[in-house]
Protein backbone atom coordinates (compact mmCIF):
# COMPACT_ATOMS: atom_id res chain seq x y z
CA MET A 1 -28.28 18.94 -6.30
CA GLU A 2 -26.36 16.15 -4.93
CA LYS A 3 -27.79 14.41 -1.95
CA THR A 4 -25.67 13.33 1.17
CA THR A 5 -26.22 11.31 3.92
CA SER A 6 -24.95 11.70 7.54
CA ALA A 7 -23.98 9.29 10.39
CA PRO A 8 -23.03 9.92 13.94
CA THR A 9 -19.59 8.98 14.94
CA LYS A 10 -18.10 8.39 18.45
CA GLU A 11 -14.72 9.73 17.47
CA ALA A 12 -14.01 13.34 17.29
CA ALA A 13 -12.41 14.55 14.05
CA PRO A 14 -9.56 17.03 13.80
CA VAL A 15 -10.60 20.27 12.88
CA ALA A 16 -8.58 23.46 11.47
CA ASP A 17 -8.31 25.64 14.56
CA ALA A 18 -6.30 25.02 17.57
CA GLU A 19 -9.08 25.52 20.17
CA ALA A 20 -11.33 22.95 18.37
CA ASN A 21 -8.33 20.42 18.24
CA ASP A 22 -7.89 20.80 21.93
CA THR A 23 -11.73 19.97 22.51
CA ALA A 24 -11.69 17.02 20.02
CA ALA A 25 -8.74 15.69 22.21
CA ASN A 26 -10.27 16.22 25.52
CA SER A 27 -13.80 14.87 24.19
CA PRO A 28 -13.16 11.85 22.23
CA ASP A 29 -16.88 10.58 22.90
CA GLU A 30 -18.51 13.59 21.35
CA PRO A 31 -20.74 12.72 18.22
CA ARG A 32 -19.75 14.41 15.03
CA ALA A 33 -21.90 14.33 11.93
CA LYS A 34 -19.96 12.57 9.02
CA ILE A 35 -20.91 13.33 5.34
CA TYR A 36 -21.08 10.61 2.87
CA PRO A 37 -20.76 11.38 -0.96
CA LYS A 38 -23.71 9.63 -3.02
CA GLY A 39 -24.79 9.46 -6.57
CA TRP A 40 -22.18 10.43 -9.08
CA LYS A 41 -19.73 11.74 -6.59
CA LEU A 42 -19.63 8.44 -4.97
CA HIS A 43 -19.04 6.76 -8.12
CA ALA A 44 -16.36 9.42 -9.23
CA LEU A 45 -14.57 8.91 -5.83
CA THR A 46 -14.57 5.46 -6.08
CA PHE A 47 -13.29 5.19 -9.74
CA GLY A 48 -10.71 7.76 -8.97
CA LEU A 49 -9.34 5.98 -5.76
CA CYS A 50 -9.30 2.55 -7.64
CA LEU A 51 -7.37 4.12 -10.52
CA SER A 52 -4.84 5.50 -8.19
CA MET A 53 -4.30 2.35 -6.46
CA LEU A 54 -4.03 0.51 -9.72
CA LEU A 55 -1.54 2.83 -11.12
CA SER A 56 0.62 2.86 -7.76
CA THR A 57 0.33 -1.11 -7.19
CA LEU A 58 1.25 -1.81 -10.85
CA GLU A 59 4.68 -0.09 -10.18
CA THR A 60 5.54 -2.42 -7.56
CA THR A 61 5.55 -5.45 -9.98
CA ILE A 62 5.48 -4.25 -13.66
CA VAL A 63 9.06 -3.72 -13.88
CA SER A 64 9.74 -7.52 -13.11
CA THR A 65 9.41 -8.39 -16.68
CA SER A 66 10.61 -5.19 -18.26
CA LEU A 67 13.83 -4.79 -16.23
CA VAL A 68 15.70 -6.87 -18.83
CA SER A 69 14.81 -4.22 -21.56
CA MET A 70 15.57 -1.30 -19.21
CA VAL A 71 19.18 -2.68 -18.56
CA ASN A 72 19.79 -3.43 -22.19
CA ALA A 73 18.81 0.17 -23.33
CA LEU A 74 20.65 2.03 -20.36
CA GLY A 75 23.41 -0.31 -19.35
CA GLY A 76 24.33 -0.39 -15.55
CA PHE A 77 23.63 -4.26 -14.93
CA SER A 78 25.03 -3.79 -11.43
CA GLN A 79 22.57 -1.31 -10.44
CA ALA A 80 19.57 -2.92 -12.13
CA GLY A 81 18.25 -4.11 -8.82
CA TRP A 82 17.96 -0.71 -7.52
CA VAL A 83 15.32 -0.02 -10.09
CA VAL A 84 12.91 -2.21 -7.87
CA THR A 85 14.67 -1.51 -4.35
CA SER A 86 14.68 2.45 -4.71
CA TYR A 87 10.73 2.34 -5.28
CA PHE A 88 10.20 -0.20 -2.17
CA LEU A 89 12.36 1.99 0.13
CA THR A 90 10.30 5.16 -0.13
CA TYR A 91 6.95 3.09 -0.72
CA THR A 92 7.17 1.32 2.57
CA GLY A 93 9.13 4.43 4.39
CA PHE A 94 6.36 6.93 3.75
CA LEU A 95 3.12 4.62 4.62
CA ILE A 96 2.69 5.65 8.54
CA ILE A 97 3.94 9.34 7.97
CA TYR A 98 1.19 9.77 5.17
CA ALA A 99 -1.57 8.39 7.30
CA LYS A 100 -0.72 10.38 10.34
CA MET A 101 -0.52 13.57 8.23
CA SER A 102 -3.88 13.18 7.12
CA ASP A 103 -5.43 13.41 10.49
CA ILE A 104 -3.76 16.85 10.79
CA LEU A 105 -3.85 18.29 7.33
CA GLY A 106 -6.99 16.28 5.87
CA THR A 107 -7.19 13.36 3.04
CA LYS A 108 -8.05 15.33 -0.01
CA VAL A 109 -4.92 17.57 -0.58
CA LEU A 110 -2.67 15.00 0.61
CA ILE A 111 -3.89 12.23 -1.73
CA MET A 112 -4.08 14.67 -4.83
CA PHE A 113 -0.51 15.66 -4.14
CA ALA A 114 0.67 12.08 -3.64
CA VAL A 115 -1.02 11.22 -6.90
CA ALA A 116 0.64 14.01 -8.67
CA LEU A 117 3.88 13.36 -7.52
CA PHE A 118 3.49 9.72 -8.70
CA ALA A 119 2.33 10.70 -12.15
CA ILE A 120 4.97 13.42 -12.52
CA PHE A 121 8.02 11.27 -11.64
CA SER A 122 6.53 8.21 -13.68
CA VAL A 123 6.58 10.40 -16.82
CA ALA A 124 10.31 11.57 -15.79
CA CYS A 125 11.23 7.66 -15.20
CA GLY A 126 10.36 7.42 -18.90
CA PHE A 127 12.58 10.17 -20.03
CA SER A 128 15.46 8.80 -18.13
CA ASN A 129 18.87 8.21 -19.97
CA THR A 130 21.05 6.66 -17.37
CA MET A 131 20.54 4.24 -14.96
CA LEU A 132 21.25 6.61 -12.01
CA GLN A 133 18.34 9.21 -13.23
CA LEU A 134 16.06 6.22 -13.40
CA ILE A 135 16.93 4.98 -9.88
CA ILE A 136 16.36 8.61 -8.36
CA PHE A 137 13.08 9.13 -10.21
CA ARG A 138 11.92 5.79 -9.16
CA SER A 139 12.59 6.50 -5.54
CA ILE A 140 10.39 9.96 -5.66
CA GLN A 141 7.73 7.92 -7.53
CA GLY A 142 7.85 5.46 -4.64
CA MET A 143 7.08 8.48 -2.34
CA GLY A 144 3.92 8.91 -4.40
CA GLY A 145 2.90 5.51 -4.69
CA SER A 146 3.23 5.30 -0.68
CA GLY A 147 0.73 8.26 -0.29
CA ILE A 148 -1.74 6.64 -2.76
CA TYR A 149 -1.76 3.17 -1.03
CA SER A 150 -1.90 4.79 2.49
CA LEU A 151 -4.53 7.30 1.95
CA VAL A 152 -6.84 4.94 -0.08
CA THR A 153 -6.88 2.59 2.91
CA VAL A 154 -7.49 5.54 5.14
CA MET A 155 -10.30 6.87 3.07
CA THR A 156 -12.18 3.82 2.17
CA PRO A 157 -14.07 3.15 5.38
CA LEU A 158 -15.09 7.12 5.49
CA MET A 159 -16.52 7.37 2.17
CA VAL A 160 -19.43 4.77 2.88
CA PRO A 161 -21.73 3.74 5.69
CA PRO A 162 -20.36 0.75 7.81
CA ALA A 163 -23.13 -1.51 6.20
CA LYS A 164 -21.50 -0.84 2.61
CA TYR A 165 -17.77 -1.26 3.94
CA PRO A 166 -17.26 -4.88 3.04
CA THR A 167 -18.42 -4.30 -0.59
CA TYR A 168 -16.16 -1.33 -1.03
CA ILE A 169 -13.19 -2.99 0.72
CA ALA A 170 -13.71 -5.81 -1.77
CA ILE A 171 -13.45 -3.59 -4.71
CA ILE A 172 -10.28 -2.00 -3.55
CA SER A 173 -8.91 -5.21 -2.57
CA SER A 174 -9.72 -6.57 -5.81
CA VAL A 175 -7.98 -3.85 -7.76
CA PHE A 176 -4.76 -4.30 -5.58
CA ALA A 177 -4.95 -7.95 -6.37
CA ILE A 178 -5.49 -7.55 -10.11
CA SER A 179 -2.91 -4.64 -10.63
CA SER A 180 -0.32 -6.78 -8.61
CA VAL A 181 -0.48 -9.79 -10.89
CA LEU A 182 -1.28 -7.86 -14.11
CA GLY A 183 2.02 -5.84 -13.56
CA PRO A 184 4.34 -8.78 -14.98
CA ILE A 185 1.86 -9.27 -17.97
CA LEU A 186 1.58 -5.47 -18.79
CA GLY A 187 5.38 -5.00 -18.46
CA GLY A 188 6.03 -8.05 -20.88
CA VAL A 189 3.50 -7.01 -23.44
CA ILE A 190 4.98 -3.34 -23.53
CA SER A 191 8.66 -4.54 -23.44
CA ASP A 192 8.06 -6.95 -26.28
CA SER A 193 5.84 -4.70 -28.58
CA ALA A 194 7.03 -1.22 -27.87
CA THR A 195 9.88 0.86 -25.65
CA TRP A 196 10.00 0.10 -21.99
CA ARG A 197 9.56 3.74 -21.50
CA TRP A 198 6.05 3.26 -21.75
CA VAL A 199 6.03 1.27 -18.78
CA PHE A 200 6.22 4.88 -17.01
CA TRP A 201 4.56 7.13 -19.75
CA LEU A 202 1.30 5.46 -19.25
CA ASN A 203 0.96 6.59 -15.61
CA GLY A 204 0.50 10.38 -16.91
CA PRO A 205 -2.88 10.60 -18.32
CA PRO A 206 -4.62 8.37 -15.81
CA GLY A 207 -3.00 9.97 -12.78
CA ALA A 208 -4.29 13.35 -14.05
CA LEU A 209 -8.01 11.84 -14.46
CA ALA A 210 -7.67 10.32 -10.90
CA ILE A 211 -6.69 13.83 -9.55
CA ILE A 212 -9.56 15.66 -11.29
CA LEU A 213 -12.28 12.86 -10.06
CA ILE A 214 -11.04 13.10 -6.41
CA GLY A 215 -11.13 16.82 -6.84
CA ILE A 216 -14.57 17.07 -7.80
CA SER A 217 -16.24 14.47 -5.78
CA ILE A 218 -15.45 15.46 -2.06
CA PRO A 219 -14.72 18.65 -0.27
CA PHE A 220 -11.51 19.65 1.47
CA SER A 221 -12.93 18.95 4.81
CA PHE A 222 -13.86 15.20 4.00
CA PRO A 223 -15.50 13.54 5.53
CA TYR A 224 -16.86 15.97 7.85
CA PRO A 225 -18.93 19.30 7.24
CA GLY A 226 -17.20 22.35 8.02
CA PRO A 227 -14.47 25.04 6.64
CA VAL A 228 -11.53 24.02 4.72
CA ARG A 229 -9.14 22.36 7.17
CA PHE A 230 -5.90 22.03 5.19
CA PHE A 231 -4.58 25.56 4.77
CA SER A 232 -5.78 26.69 8.20
CA SER A 233 -4.01 23.78 9.86
CA LEU A 234 -0.89 24.35 7.56
CA MET A 235 -0.41 27.81 8.88
CA SER A 236 -1.39 26.82 12.50
CA GLN A 237 1.57 26.50 14.97
CA ARG A 238 -0.70 24.51 17.25
CA ALA A 239 -1.69 22.08 14.30
CA TRP A 240 2.16 21.47 13.81
CA THR A 241 2.81 20.76 17.64
CA ARG A 242 0.86 17.57 17.04
CA VAL A 243 3.03 16.10 14.54
CA ASP A 244 5.64 13.43 15.77
CA PHE A 245 8.58 14.41 13.87
CA LEU A 246 10.84 12.21 15.97
CA GLY A 247 8.80 9.29 15.31
CA ALA A 248 8.37 10.14 11.58
CA PHE A 249 12.19 10.46 11.26
CA THR A 250 13.31 7.16 12.99
CA SER A 251 10.50 4.97 11.18
CA LEU A 252 11.42 6.39 7.91
CA ALA A 253 15.23 5.74 8.50
CA ALA A 254 14.69 2.18 10.14
CA SER A 255 12.63 1.28 7.13
CA ILE A 256 14.97 2.30 4.46
CA LEU A 257 17.70 0.67 6.04
CA LEU A 258 15.93 -2.58 6.87
CA VAL A 259 14.59 -2.65 3.18
CA PHE A 260 18.03 -1.80 1.83
CA ALA A 261 19.68 -4.85 3.90
CA LEU A 262 16.96 -7.31 2.65
CA GLU A 263 16.95 -6.31 -0.98
CA GLN A 264 20.76 -6.07 -1.44
CA ALA A 265 22.16 -8.93 0.83
CA GLY A 266 23.28 -11.87 -1.28
CA ILE A 267 23.00 -9.83 -4.43
CA GLU A 268 25.30 -6.80 -4.47
CA TYR A 269 26.68 -7.39 -1.11
CA PRO A 270 27.44 -10.75 1.03
CA TRP A 271 25.10 -11.38 3.99
CA ASP A 272 28.16 -11.10 6.16
CA GLY A 273 29.34 -7.82 4.57
CA ALA A 274 29.90 -4.60 6.39
CA ALA A 275 27.02 -2.72 4.69
CA ILE A 276 24.63 -5.27 5.42
CA ILE A 277 25.58 -5.93 9.02
CA THR A 278 25.76 -2.09 9.61
CA SER A 279 22.20 -1.60 7.95
CA PHE A 280 20.58 -4.39 10.20
CA VAL A 281 22.29 -2.81 13.35
CA LEU A 282 21.24 0.67 12.86
CA SER A 283 17.79 -0.28 11.69
CA GLY A 284 17.47 -2.41 14.85
CA LEU A 285 18.53 0.50 16.78
CA LEU A 286 16.11 2.91 15.04
CA TRP A 287 13.28 0.77 15.64
CA CYS A 288 14.04 0.35 19.16
CA ILE A 289 14.32 4.29 19.69
CA PHE A 290 10.94 4.30 17.70
CA VAL A 291 9.18 1.94 20.00
CA GLY A 292 10.41 3.66 23.07
CA TRP A 293 9.51 7.06 21.97
CA GLU A 294 5.93 6.27 20.91
CA ARG A 295 5.51 4.39 24.12
CA THR A 296 6.70 7.64 26.23
CA LEU A 297 4.25 9.79 23.87
CA SER A 298 1.53 7.56 24.51
CA LEU A 299 1.97 7.82 28.27
CA ARG A 300 2.31 11.50 28.38
CA ASN A 301 -0.57 13.96 28.24
CA THR A 302 0.87 16.06 25.26
CA ALA A 303 -0.35 17.73 22.11
CA CYS A 304 2.07 15.79 20.22
CA GLU A 305 0.21 12.67 18.79
CA PRO A 306 2.35 9.27 18.61
CA MET A 307 2.80 7.91 14.83
CA PHE A 308 1.79 4.23 16.12
CA PRO A 309 0.06 4.76 19.68
CA TRP A 310 1.10 2.07 22.17
CA ARG A 311 -2.63 1.23 22.67
CA LEU A 312 -2.51 -0.86 19.41
CA VAL A 313 0.74 -2.87 20.43
CA CYS A 314 -1.64 -3.98 23.61
CA ASN A 315 -4.30 -5.16 21.43
CA ARG A 316 -3.99 -8.93 20.53
CA LEU A 317 -6.42 -8.39 17.75
CA VAL A 318 -4.15 -5.83 16.11
CA LEU A 319 -1.18 -7.78 16.60
CA GLY A 320 -2.85 -10.96 15.08
CA LEU A 321 -3.75 -8.89 12.00
CA LEU A 322 -0.42 -7.30 11.59
CA LEU A 323 1.28 -10.57 11.76
CA ASN A 324 -1.45 -12.26 9.27
CA ALA A 325 -0.54 -9.05 6.75
CA PHE A 326 3.04 -9.92 7.27
CA LEU A 327 3.23 -13.57 6.33
CA THR A 328 0.62 -12.92 3.38
CA GLY A 329 2.38 -9.84 2.08
CA PHE A 330 6.04 -11.15 1.63
CA PRO A 331 5.26 -14.47 -0.09
CA PHE A 332 2.84 -12.63 -2.25
CA MET A 333 5.24 -9.99 -3.75
CA ALA A 334 8.05 -12.43 -3.87
CA ALA A 335 5.89 -14.63 -6.03
CA LEU A 336 4.83 -11.74 -8.31
CA ILE A 337 8.36 -10.79 -8.97
CA ASN A 338 10.45 -13.99 -8.92
CA ILE A 339 8.39 -16.51 -10.53
CA PRO A 340 8.00 -14.40 -14.02
CA GLN A 341 11.80 -13.52 -13.91
CA ARG A 342 12.50 -17.38 -13.46
CA PHE A 343 10.41 -17.83 -16.61
CA GLN A 344 12.53 -15.61 -18.57
CA VAL A 345 15.85 -16.41 -17.26
CA VAL A 346 15.73 -20.03 -16.52
CA ASN A 347 12.87 -21.37 -18.87
CA GLY A 348 13.80 -18.80 -21.66
CA THR A 349 10.22 -17.64 -21.98
CA THR A 350 9.45 -14.20 -23.45
CA ALA A 351 8.27 -11.52 -21.35
CA ILE A 352 4.69 -11.76 -22.66
CA ASP A 353 4.71 -15.55 -22.14
CA ALA A 354 6.12 -15.15 -18.53
CA GLY A 355 3.10 -13.11 -17.76
CA ILE A 356 0.62 -15.22 -19.35
CA ARG A 357 1.93 -18.26 -17.32
CA MET A 358 0.96 -16.02 -14.30
CA LEU A 359 -2.58 -16.02 -15.44
CA PRO A 360 -3.68 -18.53 -12.54
CA LEU A 361 -2.67 -16.14 -9.72
CA LEU A 362 -4.00 -13.29 -11.66
CA LEU A 363 -7.45 -14.72 -12.05
CA CYS A 364 -7.97 -16.37 -8.47
CA SER A 365 -6.51 -13.64 -6.04
CA PRO A 366 -9.09 -10.98 -7.34
CA PHE A 367 -11.76 -13.59 -7.52
CA ALA A 368 -11.00 -14.81 -3.94
CA THR A 369 -11.33 -11.23 -2.55
CA ILE A 370 -14.87 -10.82 -4.12
CA LEU A 371 -15.79 -14.28 -2.73
CA SER A 372 -14.79 -13.62 0.86
CA SER A 373 -16.64 -10.28 0.90
CA LEU A 374 -19.73 -12.28 -0.06
CA ILE A 375 -19.36 -15.14 2.20
CA ILE A 376 -18.95 -12.46 5.23
CA SER A 377 -21.80 -10.15 4.14
CA ARG A 378 -24.30 -12.57 2.78
CA LEU A 379 -23.85 -15.74 4.69
CA LYS A 380 -22.63 -13.74 7.86
CA VAL A 381 -19.52 -16.08 8.10
CA ALA A 382 -16.93 -14.86 10.78
CA PRO A 383 -14.20 -13.25 9.27
CA LEU A 384 -11.89 -15.40 11.43
CA TYR A 385 -12.84 -18.56 9.64
CA ILE A 386 -11.89 -16.68 6.33
CA LEU A 387 -8.68 -15.81 7.59
CA LEU A 388 -7.85 -19.48 8.44
CA GLY A 389 -8.88 -20.81 5.36
CA GLY A 390 -6.99 -18.26 3.55
CA CYS A 391 -3.74 -18.93 5.69
CA SER A 392 -4.33 -22.62 5.13
CA LEU A 393 -4.38 -22.37 1.19
CA GLN A 394 -1.53 -19.98 1.25
CA ALA A 395 0.84 -22.40 3.09
CA ILE A 396 -0.28 -25.44 1.03
CA GLY A 397 0.24 -23.55 -2.05
CA ALA A 398 3.58 -21.95 -1.12
CA GLY A 399 4.78 -25.31 0.21
CA LEU A 400 3.88 -27.20 -2.93
CA PHE A 401 5.42 -24.38 -5.05
CA SER A 402 8.95 -24.46 -3.17
CA SER A 403 8.97 -28.51 -3.70
CA LEU A 404 9.45 -27.92 -7.44
CA ASP A 405 12.91 -28.96 -8.65
CA SER A 406 14.74 -25.99 -9.12
CA SER A 407 17.41 -27.27 -11.47
CA ASP A 408 14.62 -28.36 -14.07
CA LEU A 409 14.62 -26.30 -16.93
CA ASN A 410 11.11 -27.52 -18.19
CA ILE A 411 7.97 -25.84 -16.73
CA PRO A 412 5.75 -28.55 -14.78
CA PRO A 413 2.22 -28.30 -15.40
CA SER A 414 1.61 -28.91 -11.57
CA GLN A 415 2.98 -25.32 -10.90
CA TYR A 416 -0.21 -23.81 -12.29
CA GLY A 417 -2.38 -25.77 -10.00
CA PHE A 418 -0.02 -24.39 -7.00
CA GLN A 419 -0.65 -21.09 -8.30
CA VAL A 420 -4.48 -21.26 -8.07
CA ILE A 421 -3.98 -22.43 -4.49
CA MET A 422 -1.71 -19.69 -3.44
CA GLY A 423 -4.31 -17.31 -5.20
CA PHE A 424 -7.21 -18.37 -3.36
CA GLY A 425 -5.01 -18.00 -0.16
CA PHE A 426 -3.47 -14.69 -0.91
CA GLY A 427 -7.12 -13.16 -2.10
CA PHE A 428 -8.95 -14.63 1.09
CA ASN A 429 -5.94 -13.01 3.38
CA LEU A 430 -5.68 -9.54 1.51
CA SER A 431 -9.40 -8.57 1.71
CA THR A 432 -10.36 -9.94 5.14
CA VAL A 433 -7.45 -8.39 6.92
CA LEU A 434 -8.64 -4.94 5.49
CA MET A 435 -12.34 -5.74 6.17
CA MET A 436 -11.64 -6.37 9.78
CA VAL A 437 -9.67 -2.95 10.58
CA PRO A 438 -12.73 -0.89 11.71
CA LEU A 439 -13.92 -3.95 13.50
CA VAL A 440 -10.67 -3.90 15.86
CA VAL A 441 -9.65 -0.49 16.28
CA LYS A 442 -11.52 2.96 16.71
CA GLN A 443 -11.61 5.66 14.19
CA LYS A 444 -9.05 7.76 15.55
CA ASP A 445 -6.46 4.87 15.22
CA MET A 446 -7.75 3.47 11.94
CA GLY A 447 -5.23 5.68 9.95
CA SER A 448 -2.27 4.63 11.70
CA PHE A 449 -3.40 0.86 11.60
CA SER A 450 -4.31 0.70 8.07
CA SER A 451 -0.95 2.34 7.08
CA ILE A 452 1.11 -0.32 9.01
CA LEU A 453 -0.52 -3.38 7.50
CA PRO A 454 1.09 -2.98 4.21
CA TYR A 455 4.64 -2.45 5.49
């Protein structure tokens, strides 16, 4: 029989029936036992979550070296950018929604649904016969990928005791870093040696395996003992009154408009074009509505729970981590997508060669995530110092990389050293930010905060 351990927590977990929900909301300090999986169940859950994270993160970068093959096969060169953009639109738009819904419906069913949605429409992408079909399927695939990332970050601190959290967040961060940088290499190998459709078809079997592993390793009430929460909450009118529908809609619409404007400006539309300006203005208005509504909900004593509680906005540590994540995320993704594309288009390398030339970044980023967790857990170094070191290395590496002559058709050897510096900076920041989440917010806010970090 599988052993479990329990630990008290000061936060009341959401439960199925309305009366228990009210009690939990009114008694936030009432302790509640938490059940941690152990033995093979913990290993199965860890592997399932890592596999899910690997698949969803690969899809953010794998098309960077296979996009040329897709355009050659399907045509529609003017629409090629939407293959990447459509995934990012839904990926970013649903992050907060998934995390907040997990507070109400539970995490197990939602993450299994997200993995299934991702895997099914990954296979559908592989069967696309037109560029329009591929773009539509990629957008739905992004909805599944968003749920995977959001719920994995929510579940990681719930699956192990606090003492083991740095180790497991290092594992998840390493998988994220490895899959992000591995994407261009795999995309190049697949495109040069087989059809581009295998970029998507390969997600099917691992996705099914991840669903099975998650399904057998934790109960539906995870991480708390008790009756199944999902089905009773799904039918409970009182449970749905907790959902902030206006906040969900405004954040989703604002995210989609903002990502659309940033992705298409200067490519398909000019920066001063009507479509870009309108998107920026509407996104700004919707963000203002979202902020005002979230503040209003936070100040009211109602059953409806805000998507992003105002108390997080008033926390300087939270704002600092959000700023750090923002300043780490966009240069990291820009490097992963633009550098291999430059190798192919400007320097004339093959897709495989472009991926191989990213190896310094590939190797250093995950190594830095593991190293940071060891420094914090074994040497008891404050996470703040790791963040300062990571930010410094990232700024130096990115600055040196941007100093390269853009008109030079040769590949300077110094850029590999710049990748090493950037890789250590990215790795230190990515893992340490996630590691600090349970240190700066209470458990009831962990889902909302964890989901906004990758935005």
